[in-house]
Amino acid sequence: MGILDTGIKILQDIKYEFSDDPFMVGLRFEDYVQGLFSKKYFAISEKTHSTETNQKQYVESSMNPDFVFRYMPTGKQFAVECKYRSGLKEGRLSWSYPKQMKRYQEFSHKRKIPVFIVIGLGGEDNEPEDMFNIPLEEAKYPDLYPSVINRFSRLPDKPFFWKNGKLY
């Protein structure tokens, strides 16, 4: 690796760490969530492509949830869409929009696998204050009230586990 390559890598690392660009915020939260899945039990079957890849040529699977995991002891698969929000807007959590929700529902139906919406709220994208793990079928609207999301609260730093077709 030459000096130019090293300089580019350093700039990329700085952008990753400090940028408040929504894509970087989302990427950091995805990385945070990914780190909560033990490599001993979970394999990543699919992961959406990077912004850089999609800028060169858009990859259609980037419209899918962020991850498809396989629980290795049983081979069962499930998808995870990661969303970080700094706070509520007008008393609601805006996590999606109708067209995106429909895509996730179609993905779940077509693949016959559950989709979970993992939401980080408050704090920082790589250290959220609160976290929620909402099954897609429970996230019936693009904007959710606290009375809905609070039912799916989880400790933000607790590793995920899979049991009886549910992600905890």
Protein backbone atom coordinates (compact mmCIF):
# COMPACT_ATOMS: atom_id res chain seq x y z
CA MET A 1 0.00 0.00 0.00
CA GLY A 2 1.45 3.31 -1.07
CA ILE A 3 1.34 6.67 0.67
CA LEU A 4 -1.63 7.79 -1.45
CA ASP A 5 -3.57 4.63 -0.58
CA THR A 6 -2.73 5.08 3.11
CA GLY A 7 -3.91 8.71 2.98
CA ILE A 8 -7.20 7.70 1.33
CA LYS A 9 -7.72 4.98 3.95
CA ILE A 10 -7.08 7.47 6.78
CA LEU A 11 -9.61 9.92 5.27
CA GLN A 12 -12.17 7.12 4.92
CA ASP A 13 -11.62 6.11 8.55
CA ILE A 14 -12.05 9.73 9.71
CA LYS A 15 -15.25 10.07 7.66
CA TYR A 16 -16.58 6.80 9.15
CA GLU A 17 -15.83 7.87 12.72
CA PHE A 18 -16.90 11.50 12.67
CA SER A 19 -19.32 12.18 9.80
CA ASP A 20 -22.91 13.04 10.61
CA ASP A 21 -23.92 12.13 7.06
CA PRO A 22 -27.06 9.93 7.32
CA PHE A 23 -25.38 7.13 5.35
CA MET A 24 -22.43 7.07 7.77
CA VAL A 25 -24.75 7.20 10.79
CA GLY A 26 -26.69 4.26 9.36
CA LEU A 27 -23.52 2.33 8.58
CA ARG A 28 -22.15 2.80 12.09
CA PHE A 29 -25.45 1.61 13.57
CA GLU A 30 -25.50 -1.42 11.25
CA ASP A 31 -21.95 -2.26 12.37
CA TYR A 32 -23.02 -1.86 16.00
CA VAL A 33 -25.98 -4.21 15.53
CA GLN A 34 -23.87 -6.72 13.60
CA GLY A 35 -21.47 -6.82 16.55
CA LEU A 36 -24.30 -7.99 18.82
CA PHE A 37 -24.64 -11.24 16.83
CA SER A 38 -22.18 -13.90 17.99
CA LYS A 39 -20.11 -15.37 15.14
CA LYS A 40 -20.32 -18.66 17.02
CA TYR A 41 -24.08 -18.89 16.43
CA PHE A 42 -24.92 -16.55 13.55
CA ALA A 43 -23.67 -16.42 9.98
CA ILE A 44 -24.39 -13.48 7.70
CA SER A 45 -26.01 -14.89 4.56
CA GLU A 46 -26.59 -11.51 2.94
CA LYS A 47 -25.72 -7.91 3.65
CA THR A 48 -26.72 -4.81 1.71
CA HIS A 49 -24.07 -3.19 -0.41
CA SER A 50 -22.09 -0.12 0.51
CA THR A 51 -22.84 3.36 -0.74
CA GLU A 52 -19.59 3.25 -2.72
CA THR A 53 -20.66 0.05 -4.51
CA ASN A 54 -24.09 1.46 -5.28
CA GLN A 55 -22.61 4.70 -6.60
CA LYS A 56 -20.65 2.73 -9.20
CA GLN A 57 -23.65 0.60 -10.19
CA TYR A 58 -26.76 0.21 -8.09
CA VAL A 59 -27.30 -3.30 -6.73
CA GLU A 60 -31.01 -4.09 -6.56
CA SER A 61 -30.67 -6.26 -3.45
CA SER A 62 -29.78 -3.04 -1.59
CA MET A 63 -33.56 -2.55 -1.35
CA ASN A 64 -33.75 -5.61 0.94
CA PRO A 65 -33.29 -5.53 4.72
CA ASP A 66 -29.72 -4.82 5.86
CA PHE A 67 -28.90 -8.39 6.89
CA VAL A 68 -30.06 -11.94 6.41
CA PHE A 69 -28.68 -14.04 9.25
CA ARG A 70 -28.63 -17.81 9.58
CA TYR A 71 -28.83 -19.29 13.05
CA MET A 72 -26.19 -22.00 12.60
CA PRO A 73 -27.49 -24.60 15.09
CA THR A 74 -30.80 -24.93 13.18
CA GLY A 75 -30.12 -23.34 9.79
CA LYS A 76 -33.10 -21.00 10.22
CA GLN A 77 -32.83 -17.65 8.48
CA PHE A 78 -34.24 -14.24 9.35
CA ALA A 79 -33.69 -10.69 8.18
CA VAL A 80 -32.80 -7.57 10.13
CA GLU A 81 -33.35 -3.96 9.10
CA CYS A 82 -31.38 -1.48 11.22
CA LYS A 83 -32.63 2.04 11.90
CA TYR A 84 -31.00 4.63 14.13
CA ARG A 85 -32.98 7.68 15.20
CA SER A 86 -31.72 10.46 17.44
CA GLY A 87 -35.17 11.01 18.91
CA LEU A 88 -38.92 10.98 18.43
CA LYS A 89 -40.63 13.45 16.11
CA GLU A 90 -43.99 14.80 17.24
CA GLY A 91 -44.17 12.01 19.81
CA ARG A 92 -43.66 9.22 17.26
CA LEU A 93 -40.81 7.14 15.94
CA SER A 94 -40.59 7.52 12.18
CA TRP A 95 -38.78 4.37 11.07
CA SER A 96 -39.83 3.93 7.44
CA TYR A 97 -42.12 5.08 4.66
CA PRO A 98 -44.99 3.10 3.06
CA LYS A 99 -43.12 1.94 -0.07
CA GLN A 100 -40.17 0.68 1.97
CA MET A 101 -42.45 -1.14 4.42
CA LYS A 102 -44.21 -2.85 1.53
CA ARG A 103 -40.85 -4.00 0.12
CA TYR A 104 -39.89 -5.55 3.45
CA GLN A 105 -43.28 -7.26 3.73
CA GLU A 106 -42.93 -8.66 0.20
CA PHE A 107 -39.36 -9.78 0.99
CA SER A 108 -40.57 -11.63 4.09
CA HIS A 109 -43.46 -13.25 2.24
CA LYS A 110 -41.42 -14.24 -0.82
CA ARG A 111 -38.50 -15.63 1.19
CA LYS A 112 -40.74 -17.09 3.91
CA ILE A 113 -38.50 -15.68 6.63
CA PRO A 114 -39.27 -13.22 9.41
CA VAL A 115 -37.98 -9.66 9.28
CA PHE A 116 -37.09 -7.74 12.44
CA ILE A 117 -36.68 -3.98 12.68
CA VAL A 118 -33.87 -3.16 15.11
CA ILE A 119 -34.08 0.46 16.16
CA GLY A 120 -31.51 2.44 18.10
CA LEU A 121 -32.90 5.56 19.73
CA GLY A 122 -31.01 8.41 21.35
CA GLY A 123 -27.42 8.40 22.51
CA GLU A 124 -25.04 7.79 19.62
CA ASP A 125 -25.38 5.56 16.57
CA ASN A 126 -22.63 3.29 17.90
CA GLU A 127 -23.91 3.45 21.48
CA PRO A 128 -27.68 4.03 21.48
CA GLU A 129 -29.46 4.96 24.69
CA ASP A 130 -32.43 2.70 23.87
CA MET A 131 -32.93 -0.21 21.53
CA PHE A 132 -36.00 -1.97 20.19
CA ASN A 133 -36.37 -5.22 18.27
CA ILE A 134 -39.73 -5.11 16.51
CA PRO A 135 -41.06 -7.98 14.38
CA LEU A 136 -42.12 -6.51 11.03
CA GLU A 137 -45.68 -7.75 11.47
CA GLU A 138 -45.91 -5.62 14.63
CA ALA A 139 -44.54 -2.50 12.90
CA LYS A 140 -47.80 -1.86 11.08
CA TYR A 141 -47.14 1.80 10.26
CA PRO A 142 -44.14 3.89 9.19
CA ASP A 143 -44.57 6.01 12.34
CA LEU A 144 -44.93 4.18 15.64
CA TYR A 145 -46.01 5.48 19.03
CA PRO A 146 -43.98 4.73 22.16
CA SER A 147 -46.82 2.47 23.38
CA VAL A 148 -45.98 0.14 20.47
CA ILE A 149 -42.20 0.29 20.44
CA ASN A 150 -41.83 0.02 24.21
CA ARG A 151 -43.25 -3.53 24.06
CA PHE A 152 -40.11 -4.52 22.14
CA SER A 153 -37.50 -2.77 24.26
CA ARG A 154 -34.17 -4.50 24.82
CA LEU A 155 -30.87 -3.58 26.42
CA PRO A 156 -28.78 -1.83 23.74
CA ASP A 157 -25.58 -3.75 24.49
CA LYS A 158 -27.13 -7.18 25.05
CA PRO A 159 -26.12 -9.83 22.47
CA PHE A 160 -28.95 -11.16 20.32
CA PHE A 161 -30.16 -14.74 20.54
CA TRP A 162 -32.60 -16.83 18.56
CA LYS A 163 -35.17 -19.13 20.13
CA ASN A 164 -38.27 -20.79 18.68
CA GLY A 165 -38.41 -18.56 15.62
CA LYS A 166 -38.01 -15.32 17.54
CA LEU A 167 -35.12 -12.92 17.85
CA TYR A 168 -34.39 -11.66 21.36
